[in-house]
Amino acid sequence: MKLKVTEKGKDGLKIEVTGETHTLLNLLRENAWQAGAKQASYTIRHPYLSQPEMYVVAADPKKVLSGAAQLTIDQAQDFAAAFKRAMKK
């Protein structure tokens, strides 16, 4: 995964996420809302010719994206723990 900031403003941030698909971007978008985003969206203009871009509007978009990433990590860890417990039954 490679990240590139394509737009940076006082209350908005747009990043290009190379090498990822709807799977990660949709999860990050949902978690950005939970982390306090006023607006969170992503687009993939062309499935073969462009990279996904995520756009976040918040009082502190960097903090919101960082929080969204941490929520994603926490969810993955919760799933891994639940899966291990389920496999022991």
PDB file of N, CA and C in Angstrom:
ATOM      1  N   MET A   1       0.847  -1.176   0.000  1.00  0.00           N
ATOM      2  CA  MET A   1       0.000   0.000   0.000  1.00  0.00           C
ATOM      3  C   MET A   1       0.889   1.233   0.000  1.00  0.00           C
ATOM      4  N   LYS A   2       0.464   2.198  -0.783  1.00  0.00           N
ATOM      5  CA  LYS A   2       1.192   3.462  -0.880  1.00  0.00           C
ATOM      6  C   LYS A   2       0.176   4.594  -0.763  1.00  0.00           C
ATOM      7  N   LEU A   3       0.463   5.567   0.102  1.00  0.00           N
ATOM      8  CA  LEU A   3      -0.426   6.712   0.287  1.00  0.00           C
ATOM      9  C   LEU A   3       0.215   7.972  -0.262  1.00  0.00           C
ATOM     10  N   LYS A   4      -0.622   8.796  -0.889  1.00  0.00           N
ATOM     11  CA  LYS A   4      -0.154  10.074  -1.412  1.00  0.00           C
ATOM     12  C   LYS A   4      -1.228  11.117  -1.121  1.00  0.00           C
ATOM     13  N   VAL A   5      -0.854  12.181  -0.422  1.00  0.00           N
ATOM     14  CA  VAL A   5      -1.791  13.268  -0.153  1.00  0.00           C
ATOM     15  C   VAL A   5      -1.933  14.077  -1.437  1.00  0.00           C
ATOM     16  N   THR A   6      -3.161  14.160  -1.960  1.00  0.00           N
ATOM     17  CA  THR A   6      -3.389  14.894  -3.207  1.00  0.00           C
ATOM     18  C   THR A   6      -4.007  16.265  -2.964  1.00  0.00           C
ATOM     19  N   GLU A   7      -4.695  16.441  -1.842  1.00  0.00           N
ATOM     20  CA  GLU A   7      -5.237  17.750  -1.446  1.00  0.00           C
ATOM     21  C   GLU A   7      -5.182  17.847   0.067  1.00  0.00           C
ATOM     22  N   LYS A   8      -4.758  19.017   0.533  1.00  0.00           N
ATOM     23  CA  LYS A   8      -4.672  19.223   1.977  1.00  0.00           C
ATOM     24  C   LYS A   8      -5.160  20.628   2.285  1.00  0.00           C
ATOM     25  N   GLY A   9      -6.220  20.709   3.064  1.00  0.00           N
ATOM     26  CA  GLY A   9      -6.765  21.998   3.461  1.00  0.00           C
ATOM     27  C   GLY A   9      -6.932  22.063   4.964  1.00  0.00           C
ATOM     28  N   LYS A  10      -7.465  23.184   5.425  1.00  0.00           N
ATOM     29  CA  LYS A  10      -7.645  23.375   6.864  1.00  0.00           C
ATOM     30  C   LYS A  10      -8.563  22.310   7.459  1.00  0.00           C
ATOM     31  N   ASP A  11      -9.645  22.006   6.746  1.00  0.00           N
ATOM     32  CA  ASP A  11     -10.590  21.031   7.279  1.00  0.00           C
ATOM     33  C   ASP A  11     -10.882  19.883   6.314  1.00  0.00           C
ATOM     34  N   GLY A  12     -10.048  19.712   5.301  1.00  0.00           N
ATOM     35  CA  GLY A  12     -10.245  18.635   4.342  1.00  0.00           C
ATOM     36  C   GLY A  12      -8.938  17.983   3.941  1.00  0.00           C
ATOM     37  N   LEU A  13      -9.018  16.706   3.633  1.00  0.00           N
ATOM     38  CA  LEU A  13      -7.835  15.950   3.237  1.00  0.00           C
ATOM     39  C   LEU A  13      -8.253  14.912   2.207  1.00  0.00           C
ATOM     40  N   LYS A  14      -7.514  14.850   1.096  1.00  0.00           N
ATOM     41  CA  LYS A  14      -7.759  13.836   0.080  1.00  0.00           C
ATOM     42  C   LYS A  14      -6.474  13.040  -0.097  1.00  0.00           C
ATOM     43  N   ILE A  15      -6.601  11.710  -0.017  1.00  0.00           N
ATOM     44  CA  ILE A  15      -5.429  10.854  -0.190  1.00  0.00           C
ATOM     45  C   ILE A  15      -5.697   9.821  -1.280  1.00  0.00           C
ATOM     46  N   GLU A  16      -4.641   9.510  -2.014  1.00  0.00           N
ATOM     47  CA  GLU A  16      -4.688   8.448  -3.007  1.00  0.00           C
ATOM     48  C   GLU A  16      -4.100   7.207  -2.349  1.00  0.00           C
ATOM     49  N   VAL A  17      -4.796   6.084  -2.473  1.00  0.00           N
ATOM     50  CA  VAL A  17      -4.382   4.849  -1.810  1.00  0.00           C
ATOM     51  C   VAL A  17      -4.072   3.811  -2.887  1.00  0.00           C
ATOM     52  N   THR A  18      -2.817   3.688  -3.234  1.00  0.00           N
ATOM     53  CA  THR A  18      -2.402   2.779  -4.296  1.00  0.00           C
ATOM     54  C   THR A  18      -2.368   1.342  -3.786  1.00  0.00           C
ATOM     55  N   GLY A  19      -2.915   0.450  -4.573  1.00  0.00           N
ATOM     56  CA  GLY A  19      -2.842  -0.969  -4.255  1.00  0.00           C
ATOM     57  C   GLY A  19      -3.991  -1.495  -3.405  1.00  0.00           C
ATOM     58  N   GLU A  20      -5.017  -0.685  -3.179  1.00  0.00           N
ATOM     59  CA  GLU A  20      -6.158  -1.132  -2.377  1.00  0.00           C
ATOM     60  C   GLU A  20      -7.439  -1.045  -3.198  1.00  0.00           C
ATOM     61  N   THR A  21      -8.496  -1.631  -2.656  1.00  0.00           N
ATOM     62  CA  THR A  21      -9.772  -1.709  -3.366  1.00  0.00           C
ATOM     63  C   THR A  21     -10.905  -1.223  -2.460  1.00  0.00           C
ATOM     64  N   HIS A  22     -12.120  -1.476  -2.900  1.00  0.00           N
ATOM     65  CA  HIS A  22     -13.300  -1.092  -2.129  1.00  0.00           C
ATOM     66  C   HIS A  22     -13.272  -1.677  -0.712  1.00  0.00           C
ATOM     67  N   THR A  23     -12.694  -2.849  -0.561  1.00  0.00           N
ATOM     68  CA  THR A  23     -12.721  -3.533   0.733  1.00  0.00           C
ATOM     69  C   THR A  23     -12.164  -2.655   1.843  1.00  0.00           C
ATOM     70  N   LEU A  24     -10.955  -2.168   1.682  1.00  0.00           N
ATOM     71  CA  LEU A  24     -10.341  -1.342   2.721  1.00  0.00           C
ATOM     72  C   LEU A  24     -10.938   0.058   2.753  1.00  0.00           C
ATOM     73  N   LEU A  25     -11.144   0.662   1.589  1.00  0.00           N
ATOM     74  CA  LEU A  25     -11.635   2.040   1.554  1.00  0.00           C
ATOM     75  C   LEU A  25     -13.032   2.168   2.151  1.00  0.00           C
ATOM     76  N   ASN A  26     -13.900   1.200   1.921  1.00  0.00           N
ATOM     77  CA  ASN A  26     -15.243   1.251   2.496  1.00  0.00           C
ATOM     78  C   ASN A  26     -15.176   1.136   4.019  1.00  0.00           C
ATOM     79  N   LEU A  27     -14.322   0.269   4.526  1.00  0.00           N
ATOM     80  CA  LEU A  27     -14.148   0.127   5.969  1.00  0.00           C
ATOM     81  C   LEU A  27     -13.588   1.410   6.582  1.00  0.00           C
ATOM     82  N   LEU A  28     -12.583   1.992   5.950  1.00  0.00           N
ATOM     83  CA  LEU A  28     -12.023   3.250   6.452  1.00  0.00           C
ATOM     84  C   LEU A  28     -13.052   4.382   6.417  1.00  0.00           C
ATOM     85  N   ARG A  29     -13.846   4.417   5.369  1.00  0.00           N
ATOM     86  CA  ARG A  29     -14.894   5.441   5.264  1.00  0.00           C
ATOM     87  C   ARG A  29     -15.885   5.319   6.417  1.00  0.00           C
ATOM     88  N   GLU A  30     -16.352   4.106   6.676  1.00  0.00           N
ATOM     89  CA  GLU A  30     -17.284   3.884   7.788  1.00  0.00           C
ATOM     90  C   GLU A  30     -16.648   4.268   9.119  1.00  0.00           C
ATOM     91  N   ASN A  31     -15.394   3.888   9.313  1.00  0.00           N
ATOM     92  CA  ASN A  31     -14.716   4.186  10.574  1.00  0.00           C
ATOM     93  C   ASN A  31     -14.388   5.668  10.715  1.00  0.00           C
ATOM     94  N   ALA A  32     -14.198   6.358   9.600  1.00  0.00           N
ATOM     95  CA  ALA A  32     -13.965   7.808   9.658  1.00  0.00           C
ATOM     96  C   ALA A  32     -15.202   8.514  10.204  1.00  0.00           C
ATOM     97  N   TRP A  33     -16.383   8.040   9.813  1.00  0.00           N
ATOM     98  CA  TRP A  33     -17.619   8.611  10.367  1.00  0.00           C
ATOM     99  C   TRP A  33     -17.642   8.422  11.881  1.00  0.00           C
ATOM    100  N   GLN A  34     -17.279   7.229  12.336  1.00  0.00           N
ATOM    101  CA  GLN A  34     -17.266   6.948  13.775  1.00  0.00           C
ATOM    102  C   GLN A  34     -16.204   7.761  14.509  1.00  0.00           C
ATOM    103  N   ALA A  35     -15.146   8.127  13.799  1.00  0.00           N
ATOM    104  CA  ALA A  35     -14.049   8.889  14.409  1.00  0.00           C
ATOM    105  C   ALA A  35     -14.303  10.397  14.383  1.00  0.00           C
ATOM    106  N   GLY A  36     -15.469  10.818  13.881  1.00  0.00           N
ATOM    107  CA  GLY A  36     -15.828  12.227  13.956  1.00  0.00           C
ATOM    108  C   GLY A  36     -15.791  13.019  12.664  1.00  0.00           C
ATOM    109  N   ALA A  37     -15.760  12.353  11.523  1.00  0.00           N
ATOM    110  CA  ALA A  37     -15.755  13.068  10.246  1.00  0.00           C
ATOM    111  C   ALA A  37     -17.087  13.769  10.007  1.00  0.00           C
ATOM    112  N   LYS A  38     -17.021  14.951   9.408  1.00  0.00           N
ATOM    113  CA  LYS A  38     -18.232  15.638   8.954  1.00  0.00           C
ATOM    114  C   LYS A  38     -18.654  15.064   7.606  1.00  0.00           C
ATOM    115  N   GLN A  39     -17.655  14.663   6.831  1.00  0.00           N
ATOM    116  CA  GLN A  39     -17.882  14.029   5.537  1.00  0.00           C
ATOM    117  C   GLN A  39     -16.757  13.031   5.321  1.00  0.00           C
ATOM    118  N   ALA A  40     -17.096  11.868   4.803  1.00  0.00           N
ATOM    119  CA  ALA A  40     -16.092  10.857   4.478  1.00  0.00           C
ATOM    120  C   ALA A  40     -16.583  10.091   3.256  1.00  0.00           C
ATOM    121  N   SER A  41     -15.757  10.046   2.226  1.00  0.00           N
ATOM    122  CA  SER A  41     -16.142   9.348   1.009  1.00  0.00           C
ATOM    123  C   SER A  41     -14.891   8.871   0.290  1.00  0.00           C
ATOM    124  N   TYR A  42     -15.116   7.976  -0.664  1.00  0.00           N
ATOM    125  CA  TYR A  42     -14.011   7.556  -1.513  1.00  0.00           C
ATOM    126  C   TYR A  42     -14.549   7.318  -2.910  1.00  0.00           C
ATOM    127  N   THR A  43     -13.641   7.326  -3.859  1.00  0.00           N
ATOM    128  CA  THR A  43     -14.019   7.060  -5.238  1.00  0.00           C
ATOM    129  C   THR A  43     -12.905   6.280  -5.922  1.00  0.00           C
ATOM    130  N   ILE A  44     -13.315   5.452  -6.860  1.00  0.00           N
ATOM    131  CA  ILE A  44     -12.380   4.788  -7.768  1.00  0.00           C
ATOM    132  C   ILE A  44     -12.909   5.129  -9.155  1.00  0.00           C
ATOM    133  N   ARG A  45     -12.271   6.094  -9.797  1.00  0.00           N
ATOM    134  CA  ARG A  45     -12.800   6.628 -11.059  1.00  0.00           C
ATOM    135  C   ARG A  45     -12.873   5.575 -12.165  1.00  0.00           C
ATOM    136  N   HIS A  46     -11.878   4.719 -12.239  1.00  0.00           N
ATOM    137  CA  HIS A  46     -11.866   3.650 -13.236  1.00  0.00           C
ATOM    138  C   HIS A  46     -11.230   2.423 -12.586  1.00  0.00           C
ATOM    139  N   PRO A  47     -11.860   1.260 -12.686  1.00  0.00           N
ATOM    140  CA  PRO A  47     -11.356   0.093 -11.959  1.00  0.00           C
ATOM    141  C   PRO A  47      -9.968  -0.387 -12.389  1.00  0.00           C
ATOM    142  N   TYR A  48      -9.546  -0.064 -13.593  1.00  0.00           N
ATOM    143  CA  TYR A  48      -8.245  -0.535 -14.071  1.00  0.00           C
ATOM    144  C   TYR A  48      -7.222   0.578 -14.253  1.00  0.00           C
ATOM    145  N   LEU A  49      -7.684   1.800 -14.432  1.00  0.00           N
ATOM    146  CA  LEU A  49      -6.763   2.872 -14.804  1.00  0.00           C
ATOM    147  C   LEU A  49      -6.491   3.902 -13.712  1.00  0.00           C
ATOM    148  N   SER A  50      -7.204   3.843 -12.601  1.00  0.00           N
ATOM    149  CA  SER A  50      -6.989   4.849 -11.555  1.00  0.00           C
ATOM    150  C   SER A  50      -6.896   4.193 -10.182  1.00  0.00           C
ATOM    151  N   GLN A  51      -6.373   4.949  -9.252  1.00  0.00           N
ATOM    152  CA  GLN A  51      -6.227   4.488  -7.876  1.00  0.00           C
ATOM    153  C   GLN A  51      -7.362   5.062  -7.029  1.00  0.00           C
ATOM    154  N   PRO A  52      -7.737   4.359  -5.969  1.00  0.00           N
ATOM    155  CA  PRO A  52      -8.781   4.887  -5.086  1.00  0.00           C
ATOM    156  C   PRO A  52      -8.339   6.178  -4.413  1.00  0.00           C
ATOM    157  N   GLU A  53      -9.286   7.087  -4.222  1.00  0.00           N
ATOM    158  CA  GLU A  53      -9.037   8.329  -3.496  1.00  0.00           C
ATOM    159  C   GLU A  53     -10.053   8.436  -2.371  1.00  0.00           C
ATOM    160  N   MET A  54      -9.574   8.813  -1.199  1.00  0.00           N
ATOM    161  CA  MET A  54     -10.447   9.010  -0.046  1.00  0.00           C
ATOM    162  C   MET A  54     -10.427  10.472   0.337  1.00  0.00           C
ATOM    163  N   TYR A  55     -11.606  10.994   0.679  1.00  0.00           N
ATOM    164  CA  TYR A  55     -11.745  12.398   1.038  1.00  0.00           C
ATOM    165  C   TYR A  55     -12.421  12.488   2.400  1.00  0.00           C
ATOM    166  N   VAL A  56     -11.812  13.248   3.305  1.00  0.00           N
ATOM    167  CA  VAL A  56     -12.349  13.421   4.656  1.00  0.00           C
ATOM    168  C   VAL A  56     -12.432  14.905   4.977  1.00  0.00           C
ATOM    169  N   VAL A  57     -13.584  15.319   5.496  1.00  0.00           N
ATOM    170  CA  VAL A  57     -13.771  16.677   5.998  1.00  0.00           C
ATOM    171  C   VAL A  57     -14.028  16.560   7.495  1.00  0.00           C
ATOM    172  N   ALA A  58     -13.249  17.313   8.270  1.00  0.00           N
ATOM    173  CA  ALA A  58     -13.380  17.311   9.733  1.00  0.00           C
ATOM    174  C   ALA A  58     -12.605  18.497  10.279  1.00  0.00           C
ATOM    175  N   ALA A  59     -12.826  18.808  11.539  1.00  0.00           N
ATOM    176  CA  ALA A  59     -12.054  19.876  12.175  1.00  0.00           C
ATOM    177  C   ALA A  59     -10.567  19.540  12.116  1.00  0.00           C
ATOM    178  N   ASP A  60     -10.242  18.260  12.281  1.00  0.00           N
ATOM    179  CA  ASP A  60      -8.861  17.781  12.184  1.00  0.00           C
ATOM    180  C   ASP A  60      -8.861  16.485  11.379  1.00  0.00           C
ATOM    181  N   PRO A  61      -8.835  16.579  10.031  1.00  0.00           N
ATOM    182  CA  PRO A  61      -8.955  15.384   9.195  1.00  0.00           C
ATOM    183  C   PRO A  61      -7.832  14.375   9.410  1.00  0.00           C
ATOM    184  N   LYS A  62      -6.646  14.860   9.736  1.00  0.00           N
ATOM    185  CA  LYS A  62      -5.528  13.940   9.999  1.00  0.00           C
ATOM    186  C   LYS A  62      -5.841  13.071  11.220  1.00  0.00           C
ATOM    187  N   LYS A  63      -6.378  13.688  12.256  1.00  0.00           N
ATOM    188  CA  LYS A  63      -6.742  12.960  13.477  1.00  0.00           C
ATOM    189  C   LYS A  63      -7.873  11.966  13.196  1.00  0.00           C
ATOM    190  N   VAL A  64      -8.838  12.372  12.374  1.00  0.00           N
ATOM    191  CA  VAL A  64      -9.953  11.489  12.034  1.00  0.00           C
ATOM    192  C   VAL A  64      -9.458  10.272  11.264  1.00  0.00           C
ATOM    193  N   LEU A  65      -8.587  10.466  10.270  1.00  0.00           N
ATOM    194  CA  LEU A  65      -8.068   9.325   9.514  1.00  0.00           C
ATOM    195  C   LEU A  65      -7.219   8.415  10.389  1.00  0.00           C
ATOM    196  N   SER A  66      -6.453   8.998  11.281  1.00  0.00           N
ATOM    197  CA  SER A  66      -5.666   8.199  12.214  1.00  0.00           C
ATOM    198  C   SER A  66      -6.592   7.384  13.119  1.00  0.00           C
ATOM    199  N   GLY A  67      -7.655   8.007  13.596  1.00  0.00           N
ATOM    200  CA  GLY A  67      -8.634   7.298  14.418  1.00  0.00           C
ATOM    201  C   GLY A  67      -9.336   6.194  13.650  1.00  0.00           C
ATOM    202  N   ALA A  68      -9.654   6.459  12.384  1.00  0.00           N
ATOM    203  CA  ALA A  68     -10.294   5.447  11.542  1.00  0.00           C
ATOM    204  C   ALA A  68      -9.369   4.256  11.338  1.00  0.00           C
ATOM    205  N   ALA A  69      -8.086   4.523  11.143  1.00  0.00           N
ATOM    206  CA  ALA A  69      -7.115   3.437  10.989  1.00  0.00           C
ATOM    207  C   ALA A  69      -7.041   2.607  12.266  1.00  0.00           C
ATOM    208  N   GLN A  70      -7.040   3.265  13.424  1.00  0.00           N
ATOM    209  CA  GLN A  70      -6.970   2.536  14.696  1.00  0.00           C
ATOM    210  C   GLN A  70      -8.232   1.709  14.925  1.00  0.00           C
ATOM    211  N   LEU A  71      -9.397   2.254  14.580  1.00  0.00           N
ATOM    212  CA  LEU A  71     -10.640   1.482  14.692  1.00  0.00           C
ATOM    213  C   LEU A  71     -10.589   0.239  13.809  1.00  0.00           C
ATOM    214  N   THR A  72     -10.030   0.375  12.618  1.00  0.00           N
ATOM    215  CA  THR A  72      -9.905  -0.748  11.697  1.00  0.00           C
ATOM    216  C   THR A  72      -9.006  -1.825  12.290  1.00  0.00           C
ATOM    217  N   ILE A  73      -7.890  -1.415  12.873  1.00  0.00           N
ATOM    218  CA  ILE A  73      -6.976  -2.364  13.529  1.00  0.00           C
ATOM    219  C   ILE A  73      -7.696  -3.074  14.674  1.00  0.00           C
ATOM    220  N   ASP A  74      -8.401  -2.313  15.496  1.00  0.00           N
ATOM    221  CA  ASP A  74      -9.129  -2.894  16.634  1.00  0.00           C
ATOM    222  C   ASP A  74     -10.170  -3.908  16.168  1.00  0.00           C
ATOM    223  N   GLN A  75     -10.886  -3.588  15.094  1.00  0.00           N
ATOM    224  CA  GLN A  75     -11.893  -4.508  14.567  1.00  0.00           C
ATOM    225  C   GLN A  75     -11.249  -5.796  14.057  1.00  0.00           C
ATOM    226  N   ALA A  76     -10.111  -5.677  13.397  1.00  0.00           N
ATOM    227  CA  ALA A  76      -9.415  -6.865  12.898  1.00  0.00           C
ATOM    228  C   ALA A  76      -8.940  -7.736  14.061  1.00  0.00           C
ATOM    229  N   GLN A  77      -8.435  -7.111  15.114  1.00  0.00           N
ATOM    230  CA  GLN A  77      -7.990  -7.867  16.284  1.00  0.00           C
ATOM    231  C   GLN A  77      -9.170  -8.542  16.983  1.00  0.00           C
ATOM    232  N   ASP A  78     -10.294  -7.851  17.095  1.00  0.00           N
ATOM    233  CA  ASP A  78     -11.497  -8.444  17.689  1.00  0.00           C
ATOM    234  C   ASP A  78     -11.964  -9.647  16.881  1.00  0.00           C
ATOM    235  N   PHE A  79     -11.943  -9.516  15.562  1.00  0.00           N
ATOM    236  CA  PHE A  79     -12.348 -10.623  14.701  1.00  0.00           C
ATOM    237  C   PHE A  79     -11.410 -11.811  14.878  1.00  0.00           C
ATOM    238  N   ALA A  80     -10.099 -11.549  14.908  1.00  0.00           N
ATOM    239  CA  ALA A  80      -9.124 -12.630  15.066  1.00  0.00           C
ATOM    240  C   ALA A  80      -9.340 -13.370  16.385  1.00  0.00           C
ATOM    241  N   ALA A  81      -9.583 -12.638  17.461  1.00  0.00           N
ATOM    242  CA  ALA A  81      -9.815 -13.266  18.765  1.00  0.00           C
ATOM    243  C   ALA A  81     -11.106 -14.086  18.754  1.00  0.00           C
ATOM    244  N   ALA A  82     -12.170 -13.538  18.177  1.00  0.00           N
ATOM    245  CA  ALA A  82     -13.442 -14.260  18.104  1.00  0.00           C
ATOM    246  C   ALA A  82     -13.310 -15.509  17.241  1.00  0.00           C
ATOM    247  N   PHE A  83     -12.555 -15.413  16.176  1.00  0.00           N
ATOM    248  CA  PHE A  83     -12.346 -16.558  15.293  1.00  0.00           C
ATOM    249  C   PHE A  83     -11.595 -17.666  16.022  1.00  0.00           C
ATOM    250  N   LYS A  84     -10.560 -17.310  16.770  1.00  0.00           N
ATOM    251  CA  LYS A  84      -9.804 -18.313  17.538  1.00  0.00           C
ATOM    252  C   LYS A  84     -10.706 -19.009  18.554  1.00  0.00           C
ATOM    253  N   ARG A  85     -11.548 -18.231  19.239  1.00  0.00           N
ATOM    254  CA  ARG A  85     -12.470 -18.825  20.214  1.00  0.00           C
ATOM    255  C   ARG A  85     -13.459 -19.763  19.517  1.00  0.00           C
ATOM    256  N   ALA A  86     -13.965 -19.352  18.374  1.00  0.00           N
ATOM    257  CA  ALA A  86     -14.933 -20.166  17.640  1.00  0.00           C
ATOM    258  C   ALA A  86     -14.309 -21.468  17.150  1.00  0.00           C
ATOM    259  N   MET A  87     -13.048 -21.426  16.795  1.00  0.00           N
ATOM    260  CA  MET A  87     -12.380 -22.620  16.280  1.00  0.00           C
ATOM    261  C   MET A  87     -12.075 -23.624  17.388  1.00  0.00           C
ATOM    262  N   LYS A  88     -12.054 -23.183  18.633  1.00  0.00           N
ATOM    263  CA  LYS A  88     -11.786 -24.088  19.754  1.00  0.00           C
ATOM    264  C   LYS A  88     -13.011 -24.909  20.133  1.00  0.00           C
ATOM    265  N   LYS A  89     -14.187 -24.488  19.690  1.00  0.00           N
ATOM    266  CA  LYS A  89     -15.433 -25.193  20.042  1.00  0.00           C
ATOM    267  C   LYS A  89     -15.608 -26.436  19.220  1.00  0.00           C
TER     268      LYS A  89
END
